[in-house]
Protein backbone atom coordinates (compact mmCIF):
# COMPACT_ATOMS: atom_id res chain seq x y z
CA MET A 1 22.77 5.40 -36.83
CA LYS A 2 24.44 2.37 -35.25
CA THR A 3 25.28 4.30 -32.08
CA LEU A 4 21.80 5.80 -31.81
CA LYS A 5 20.10 2.44 -31.32
CA PRO A 6 22.18 1.29 -28.30
CA ALA A 7 21.90 4.74 -26.76
CA ALA A 8 18.11 4.64 -27.12
CA MET A 9 18.00 1.14 -25.62
CA LEU A 10 20.15 2.28 -22.70
CA ALA A 11 17.92 5.31 -22.09
CA LEU A 12 14.80 3.13 -22.20
CA ALA A 13 16.33 0.66 -19.75
CA PHE A 14 17.25 3.51 -17.41
CA ILE A 15 13.70 4.92 -17.52
CA LEU A 16 12.13 1.53 -16.83
CA PHE A 17 14.56 0.82 -13.99
CA SER A 18 13.85 4.24 -12.45
CA ALA A 19 10.10 3.69 -12.66
CA ALA A 20 10.43 0.31 -10.95
CA GLN A 21 12.49 1.83 -8.14
CA ALA A 22 10.04 4.69 -7.68
CA GLN A 23 7.17 2.43 -6.60
CA PRO A 24 6.23 3.17 -3.02
CA TYR A 25 6.33 0.69 -0.19
CA TYR A 26 2.55 0.51 -0.48
CA ALA A 27 2.88 -1.59 -3.63
CA HIS A 28 2.65 -4.56 -1.26
CA THR A 29 -0.92 -4.60 -0.11
CA ASP A 30 -1.88 -4.48 3.50
CA LYS A 31 -4.23 -7.38 2.91
CA GLN A 32 -1.20 -9.58 2.30
CA ARG A 33 0.32 -8.42 5.58
CA ILE A 34 -2.96 -9.09 7.40
CA ARG A 35 -3.26 -12.52 5.77
CA GLN A 36 0.28 -13.36 6.86
CA GLY A 37 -0.54 -12.27 10.43
CA VAL A 38 -3.60 -14.52 10.50
CA HIS A 39 -1.61 -17.43 9.10
CA SER A 40 1.16 -17.05 11.67
CA GLY A 41 -1.32 -16.59 14.52
CA ALA A 42 -0.12 -13.08 15.38
CA LEU A 43 -3.57 -11.56 14.73
CA THR A 44 -6.72 -12.50 16.64
CA HIS A 45 -10.17 -12.61 15.08
CA LYS A 46 -11.14 -9.19 16.46
CA GLU A 47 -7.88 -7.58 15.37
CA THR A 48 -8.27 -8.98 11.88
CA ALA A 49 -11.85 -7.72 11.60
CA LEU A 50 -10.83 -4.24 12.75
CA LEU A 51 -7.92 -4.03 10.31
CA LEU A 52 -10.04 -5.21 7.38
CA LYS A 53 -12.67 -2.61 8.30
CA LYS A 54 -10.00 0.10 8.15
CA GLU A 55 -8.86 -1.19 4.75
CA ARG A 56 -12.42 -1.00 3.42
CA ALA A 57 -12.76 2.56 4.71
CA ILE A 58 -9.57 3.60 2.90
CA LYS A 59 -10.81 1.99 -0.32
CA LYS A 60 -14.16 3.78 0.00
CA ASP A 61 -12.48 7.14 0.63
CA LYS A 62 -10.29 6.63 -2.42
CA GLN A 63 -13.33 5.87 -4.58
CA LEU A 64 -15.15 8.95 -3.30
CA ALA A 65 -12.13 11.15 -3.96
CA ARG A 66 -11.87 9.90 -7.53
CA ALA A 67 -15.61 10.11 -8.18
CA ASP A 68 -15.53 13.72 -9.37
CA GLY A 69 -12.55 13.08 -11.63
CA LYS A 70 -10.06 15.17 -9.65
CA VAL A 71 -8.23 14.20 -6.47
CA THR A 72 -7.41 17.38 -4.60
CA CYS A 73 -4.29 17.93 -2.55
CA LYS A 74 -6.33 17.85 0.65
CA GLU A 75 -7.91 14.50 -0.31
CA ARG A 76 -4.51 13.08 -1.25
CA LYS A 77 -3.06 14.12 2.12
CA LYS A 78 -5.98 12.53 3.98
CA MET A 79 -5.63 9.28 2.06
CA LYS A 80 -1.88 9.17 2.70
CA ARG A 81 -2.38 9.91 6.41
CA ASP A 82 -5.04 7.18 6.71
CA LYS A 83 -2.85 4.70 4.86
CA ARG A 84 0.12 5.35 7.14
CA ALA A 85 -2.09 5.05 10.23
CA THR A 86 -3.41 1.72 9.00
CA ASP A 87 0.09 0.48 8.23
CA TYR A 88 1.16 1.33 11.76
CA ALA A 89 -1.98 -0.27 13.21
CA ILE A 90 -1.17 -3.51 11.38
CA TYR A 91 2.34 -3.45 12.80
CA ARG A 92 1.09 -2.76 16.34
CA LYS A 93 -1.53 -5.50 16.19
CA LYS A 94 0.92 -8.07 14.84
CA HIS A 95 3.51 -7.30 17.53
CA ASN A 96 1.35 -6.81 20.62
CA GLY A 97 1.96 -10.29 22.02
CA MET A 98 -1.59 -11.54 21.63
CA VAL A 99 -1.90 -14.81 19.77
CA ARG A 100 -4.74 -16.52 18.00
CA ASN A 101 -6.24 -19.57 19.71
């Protein structure tokens, strides 16, 4: 009985640690990255507006996919593809050399 308790605690700690490590990169929101770009001056007004519009479109698509209670594989792929494209667009806009006045 005494050895069962530490073993259970160790197993629980391992499960929690694994779950924390399994979180995707997307756990950090793109809005934070956009906000940082605005603050540093790397994003112009037009670039910021365009990126926020893309973020709203992704959110809307996600809501529509979940509306029927089942997210299909095709919907999941589209959401992932859109998310990656937006991530890359944020990177490109922040590093294109244009600065905010």
